[in-house]
Amino acid sequence: MQKHLSQADFYTQKARQENYPARSIYKLKEINEKFGLIKTGDRVLDLGCSPGSWLLYISRQAGGAGRVVAIDVEEPKIALPDNAIFIKK
């Protein structure tokens, strides 16, 4: 249990240092790096995007030529990147 708590603290602190609102970004990032899901120029639909860590990451991966459409019932807790739009539904 102590190991789990120290890892939680590590990733929470890392997320704050890297300006991500949630620590879940690191598991999602690991999956993307392993399988190469999102590439420069991709168009991505992010369902359930709040608080916005994944939205930030995928918008960077897609780059200026890419586009991210983010949908959630709750507003993201981040400023939207230029290549992203948010729909509240």
C-alpha atoms as a PDB file:
ATOM      1  CA  MET A   1       0.000   0.000   0.000  1.00  0.00           C
ATOM      2  CA  GLN A   2       2.815   2.406   0.861  1.00  0.00           C
ATOM      3  CA  LYS A   3       4.427   1.795  -2.560  1.00  0.00           C
ATOM      4  CA  HIS A   4       1.113   2.552  -4.269  1.00  0.00           C
ATOM      5  CA  LEU A   5       0.712   5.793  -2.311  1.00  0.00           C
ATOM      6  CA  SER A   6       4.245   6.944  -3.132  1.00  0.00           C
ATOM      7  CA  GLN A   7       3.651   6.245  -6.835  1.00  0.00           C
ATOM      8  CA  ALA A   8       0.390   8.173  -6.672  1.00  0.00           C
ATOM      9  CA  ASP A   9       2.181  11.109  -5.126  1.00  0.00           C
ATOM     10  CA  PHE A  10       4.943  10.904  -7.760  1.00  0.00           C
ATOM     11  CA  TYR A  11       2.528  10.981 -10.711  1.00  0.00           C
ATOM     12  CA  THR A  12       0.316  13.616  -9.124  1.00  0.00           C
ATOM     13  CA  GLN A  13       3.331  15.866  -8.606  1.00  0.00           C
ATOM     14  CA  LYS A  14       4.642  15.121 -12.108  1.00  0.00           C
ATOM     15  CA  ALA A  15       1.254  16.033 -13.599  1.00  0.00           C
ATOM     16  CA  ARG A  16       1.287  19.344 -11.740  1.00  0.00           C
ATOM     17  CA  GLN A  17       4.846  20.095 -12.869  1.00  0.00           C
ATOM     18  CA  GLU A  18       3.921  19.376 -16.487  1.00  0.00           C
ATOM     19  CA  ASN A  19       0.660  21.377 -16.247  1.00  0.00           C
ATOM     20  CA  TYR A  20      -1.704  18.443 -16.665  1.00  0.00           C
ATOM     21  CA  PRO A  21      -4.888  18.537 -14.553  1.00  0.00           C
ATOM     22  CA  ALA A  22      -4.894  14.772 -13.901  1.00  0.00           C
ATOM     23  CA  ARG A  23      -2.328  12.062 -13.321  1.00  0.00           C
ATOM     24  CA  SER A  24      -4.150   9.618 -15.635  1.00  0.00           C
ATOM     25  CA  ILE A  25      -2.270  11.169 -18.563  1.00  0.00           C
ATOM     26  CA  TYR A  26       0.741   8.936 -17.975  1.00  0.00           C
ATOM     27  CA  LYS A  27      -1.107   5.650 -18.480  1.00  0.00           C
ATOM     28  CA  LEU A  28      -2.838   7.022 -21.593  1.00  0.00           C
ATOM     29  CA  LYS A  29       0.475   8.384 -22.881  1.00  0.00           C
ATOM     30  CA  GLU A  30       2.084   4.970 -22.336  1.00  0.00           C
ATOM     31  CA  ILE A  31      -0.677   3.289 -24.369  1.00  0.00           C
ATOM     32  CA  ASN A  32      -0.281   5.811 -27.193  1.00  0.00           C
ATOM     33  CA  GLU A  33       3.494   5.387 -27.279  1.00  0.00           C
ATOM     34  CA  LYS A  34       3.175   1.591 -27.338  1.00  0.00           C
ATOM     35  CA  PHE A  35       0.538   1.397 -30.081  1.00  0.00           C
ATOM     36  CA  GLY A  36       1.089   4.668 -31.993  1.00  0.00           C
ATOM     37  CA  LEU A  37      -2.588   5.591 -31.959  1.00  0.00           C
ATOM     38  CA  ILE A  38      -2.301   9.337 -32.611  1.00  0.00           C
ATOM     39  CA  LYS A  39      -0.024  10.849 -35.221  1.00  0.00           C
ATOM     40  CA  THR A  40       0.661  14.304 -36.618  1.00  0.00           C
ATOM     41  CA  GLY A  41      -2.274  15.493 -38.712  1.00  0.00           C
ATOM     42  CA  ASP A  42      -4.818  13.093 -37.183  1.00  0.00           C
ATOM     43  CA  ARG A  43      -8.375  14.099 -36.385  1.00  0.00           C
ATOM     44  CA  VAL A  44      -9.366  12.838 -32.942  1.00  0.00           C
ATOM     45  CA  LEU A  45     -12.667  12.629 -31.058  1.00  0.00           C
ATOM     46  CA  ASP A  46     -12.201  12.808 -27.282  1.00  0.00           C
ATOM     47  CA  LEU A  47     -15.359  11.604 -25.521  1.00  0.00           C
ATOM     48  CA  GLY A  48     -15.494  12.423 -21.821  1.00  0.00           C
ATOM     49  CA  CYS A  49     -12.615  14.886 -22.106  1.00  0.00           C
ATOM     50  CA  SER A  50     -12.766  16.580 -18.713  1.00  0.00           C
ATOM     51  CA  PRO A  51     -10.567  17.456 -16.867  1.00  0.00           C
ATOM     52  CA  GLY A  52      -8.439  17.774 -20.029  1.00  0.00           C
ATOM     53  CA  SER A  53      -5.067  16.061 -19.592  1.00  0.00           C
ATOM     54  CA  TRP A  54      -5.621  13.674 -22.489  1.00  0.00           C
ATOM     55  CA  LEU A  55      -7.015  16.544 -24.573  1.00  0.00           C
ATOM     56  CA  LEU A  56      -3.776  18.488 -24.069  1.00  0.00           C
ATOM     57  CA  TYR A  57      -1.643  15.485 -24.932  1.00  0.00           C
ATOM     58  CA  ILE A  58      -3.530  14.439 -28.070  1.00  0.00           C
ATOM     59  CA  SER A  59      -3.699  17.996 -29.371  1.00  0.00           C
ATOM     60  CA  ARG A  60       0.109  18.143 -29.154  1.00  0.00           C
ATOM     61  CA  GLN A  61       0.406  14.759 -30.863  1.00  0.00           C
ATOM     62  CA  ALA A  62      -1.966  15.782 -33.674  1.00  0.00           C
ATOM     63  CA  GLY A  63      -0.119  19.070 -34.142  1.00  0.00           C
ATOM     64  CA  GLY A  64      -1.244  22.161 -36.003  1.00  0.00           C
ATOM     65  CA  ALA A  65      -2.414  20.131 -39.005  1.00  0.00           C
ATOM     66  CA  GLY A  66      -4.540  17.914 -36.762  1.00  0.00           C
ATOM     67  CA  ARG A  67      -7.861  18.566 -35.086  1.00  0.00           C
ATOM     68  CA  VAL A  68      -9.375  17.455 -31.780  1.00  0.00           C
ATOM     69  CA  VAL A  69     -13.079  17.556 -31.016  1.00  0.00           C
ATOM     70  CA  ALA A  70     -13.669  17.187 -27.276  1.00  0.00           C
ATOM     71  CA  ILE A  71     -17.071  16.343 -25.812  1.00  0.00           C
ATOM     72  CA  ASP A  72     -18.171  16.156 -22.184  1.00  0.00           C
ATOM     73  CA  VAL A  73     -21.020  17.193 -19.885  1.00  0.00           C
ATOM     74  CA  GLU A  74     -18.453  19.099 -17.830  1.00  0.00           C
ATOM     75  CA  GLU A  75     -16.170  21.900 -19.051  1.00  0.00           C
ATOM     76  CA  PRO A  76     -12.470  20.990 -19.268  1.00  0.00           C
ATOM     77  CA  LYS A  77     -10.291  22.508 -16.554  1.00  0.00           C
ATOM     78  CA  ILE A  78      -7.751  23.738 -19.098  1.00  0.00           C
ATOM     79  CA  ALA A  79      -7.485  26.395 -21.771  1.00  0.00           C
ATOM     80  CA  LEU A  80      -8.299  24.755 -25.096  1.00  0.00           C
ATOM     81  CA  PRO A  81      -5.389  24.307 -27.508  1.00  0.00           C
ATOM     82  CA  ASP A  82      -5.700  26.073 -30.880  1.00  0.00           C
ATOM     83  CA  ASN A  83      -6.406  22.848 -32.746  1.00  0.00           C
ATOM     84  CA  ALA A  84      -9.222  21.758 -30.403  1.00  0.00           C
ATOM     85  CA  ILE A  85     -12.892  22.574 -29.997  1.00  0.00           C
ATOM     86  CA  PHE A  86     -15.143  21.675 -27.088  1.00  0.00           C
ATOM     87  CA  ILE A  87     -18.814  20.675 -27.231  1.00  0.00           C
ATOM     88  CA  LYS A  88     -20.789  20.475 -24.002  1.00  0.00           C
ATOM     89  CA  LYS A  89     -23.304  17.614 -24.345  1.00  0.00           C
END
